[in-house]
């Protein structure tokens, strides 16, 4: 083989290897970026879960408070109703 042929083949092989290395480096970078993105998504999901659990707890507390208020109003209405009936009974007697 001539020296120029060997140099040409060597140069072509060098270009092929350089392209392969650049592509594999890009692939490795894209894998790293994807891994980092998945980690961020996982952290975000975890924080969203915590936020949603807190919100659910607040809503349950509000629900309990509203149930208590409804019960209190119902008892007041019963007391007012009984007071009204007793007043009418006293008026009828008196």
Protein backbone atom coordinates (compact mmCIF):
# COMPACT_ATOMS: atom_id res chain seq x y z
CA UNK A 1 0.00 0.00 0.00
CA UNK A 2 1.06 3.47 -0.71
CA UNK A 3 1.58 5.96 2.05
CA UNK A 4 -1.15 8.21 0.67
CA UNK A 5 -3.66 5.31 0.72
CA UNK A 6 -2.75 4.48 4.32
CA UNK A 7 -3.08 8.14 5.27
CA UNK A 8 -6.46 8.40 3.51
CA UNK A 9 -7.77 5.25 5.20
CA UNK A 10 -6.42 6.45 8.56
CA UNK A 11 -8.04 9.85 8.07
CA UNK A 12 -11.39 8.26 7.14
CA UNK A 13 -11.20 5.96 10.18
CA UNK A 14 -10.33 8.98 12.34
CA UNK A 15 -13.40 10.83 11.02
CA UNK A 16 -15.61 7.79 11.64
CA UNK A 17 -14.27 7.39 15.19
CA UNK A 18 -14.64 11.12 15.88
CA UNK A 19 -18.24 11.03 14.66
CA UNK A 20 -18.98 7.96 16.78
CA UNK A 21 -17.43 9.57 19.85
CA UNK A 22 -19.35 12.80 19.31
CA UNK A 23 -22.60 10.87 18.83
CA UNK A 24 -22.01 8.71 21.90
CA UNK A 25 -21.15 11.81 23.94
CA UNK A 26 -24.38 13.46 22.78
CA UNK A 27 -26.28 10.30 23.61
CA UNK A 28 -24.71 10.19 27.07
CA UNK A 29 -25.60 13.86 27.59
CA UNK A 30 -29.18 13.23 26.50
CA UNK A 31 -29.40 10.27 28.90
CA UNK A 32 -28.04 12.42 31.72
CA UNK A 33 -30.49 15.19 30.89
CA UNK A 34 -33.36 12.69 30.79
CA UNK A 35 -32.27 11.21 34.14
CA UNK A 36 -32.13 14.68 35.68
CA UNK A 37 -35.56 15.47 34.23
CA UNK A 38 -36.99 12.27 35.73
CA UNK A 39 -35.48 13.15 39.12
CA UNK A 40 -37.06 16.62 38.96
CA UNK A 41 -40.40 15.10 37.97
CA UNK A 42 -40.20 12.64 40.86
CA UNK A 43 -39.43 15.43 43.35
CA UNK A 44 -42.26 17.54 41.92
CA UNK A 45 -44.69 14.62 42.21
CA UNK A 46 -43.62 14.07 45.81
CA UNK A 47 -44.07 17.75 46.67
CA UNK A 48 -47.41 17.78 44.81
CA UNK A 49 -48.47 14.76 46.86
CA UNK A 50 -47.54 16.52 50.11
CA UNK A 51 -49.35 19.66 48.98
CA UNK A 52 -52.46 17.69 48.01
CA UNK A 53 -52.46 15.78 51.32
CA UNK A 54 -52.28 19.08 53.21
CA UNK A 55 -55.08 20.52 51.09
CA UNK A 56 -57.20 17.41 51.70
CA UNK A 57 -56.59 17.71 55.44
CA UNK A 58 -57.65 21.38 55.37
CA UNK A 59 -60.78 20.47 53.42
CA UNK A 60 -61.65 17.71 55.88
CA UNK A 61 -61.18 20.14 58.77
CA UNK A 62 -63.45 22.66 57.03
CA UNK A 63 -66.01 19.92 56.44
CA UNK A 64 -65.96 18.98 60.13
CA UNK A 65 -66.31 22.64 61.11
CA UNK A 66 -69.29 23.07 58.77
CA UNK A 67 -70.92 19.91 60.12
CA UNK A 68 -70.45 21.25 63.65
CA UNK A 69 -72.00 24.59 62.68
CA UNK A 70 -74.96 22.88 60.98
CA UNK A 71 -75.49 20.76 64.06
CA UNK A 72 -75.28 23.85 66.27
CA UNK A 73 -77.81 25.70 64.07
CA UNK A 74 -80.09 22.69 64.08
CA UNK A 75 -79.96 22.55 67.88
CA UNK A 76 -80.64 26.30 68.06
CA UNK A 77 -83.61 25.94 65.74
CA UNK A 78 -84.94 23.10 67.88
CA UNK A 79 -84.50 25.22 71.00
CA UNK A 80 -86.20 28.20 69.35
CA UNK A 81 -89.02 25.97 68.16
CA UNK A 82 -89.50 24.45 71.62
CA UNK A 83 -89.39 27.90 73.18
CA UNK A 84 -92.04 29.08 70.74
CA UNK A 85 -94.29 26.08 71.50
CA UNK A 86 -93.87 26.58 75.26
CA UNK A 87 -94.74 30.26 74.84
CA UNK A 88 -97.90 29.34 72.97
CA UNK A 89 -98.84 26.78 75.65
CA UNK A 90 -98.37 29.38 78.42
CA UNK A 91 -100.47 31.86 76.44
CA UNK A 92 -103.25 29.30 76.07
CA UNK A 93 -103.20 28.51 79.81
CA UNK A 94 -102.96 32.04 80.96
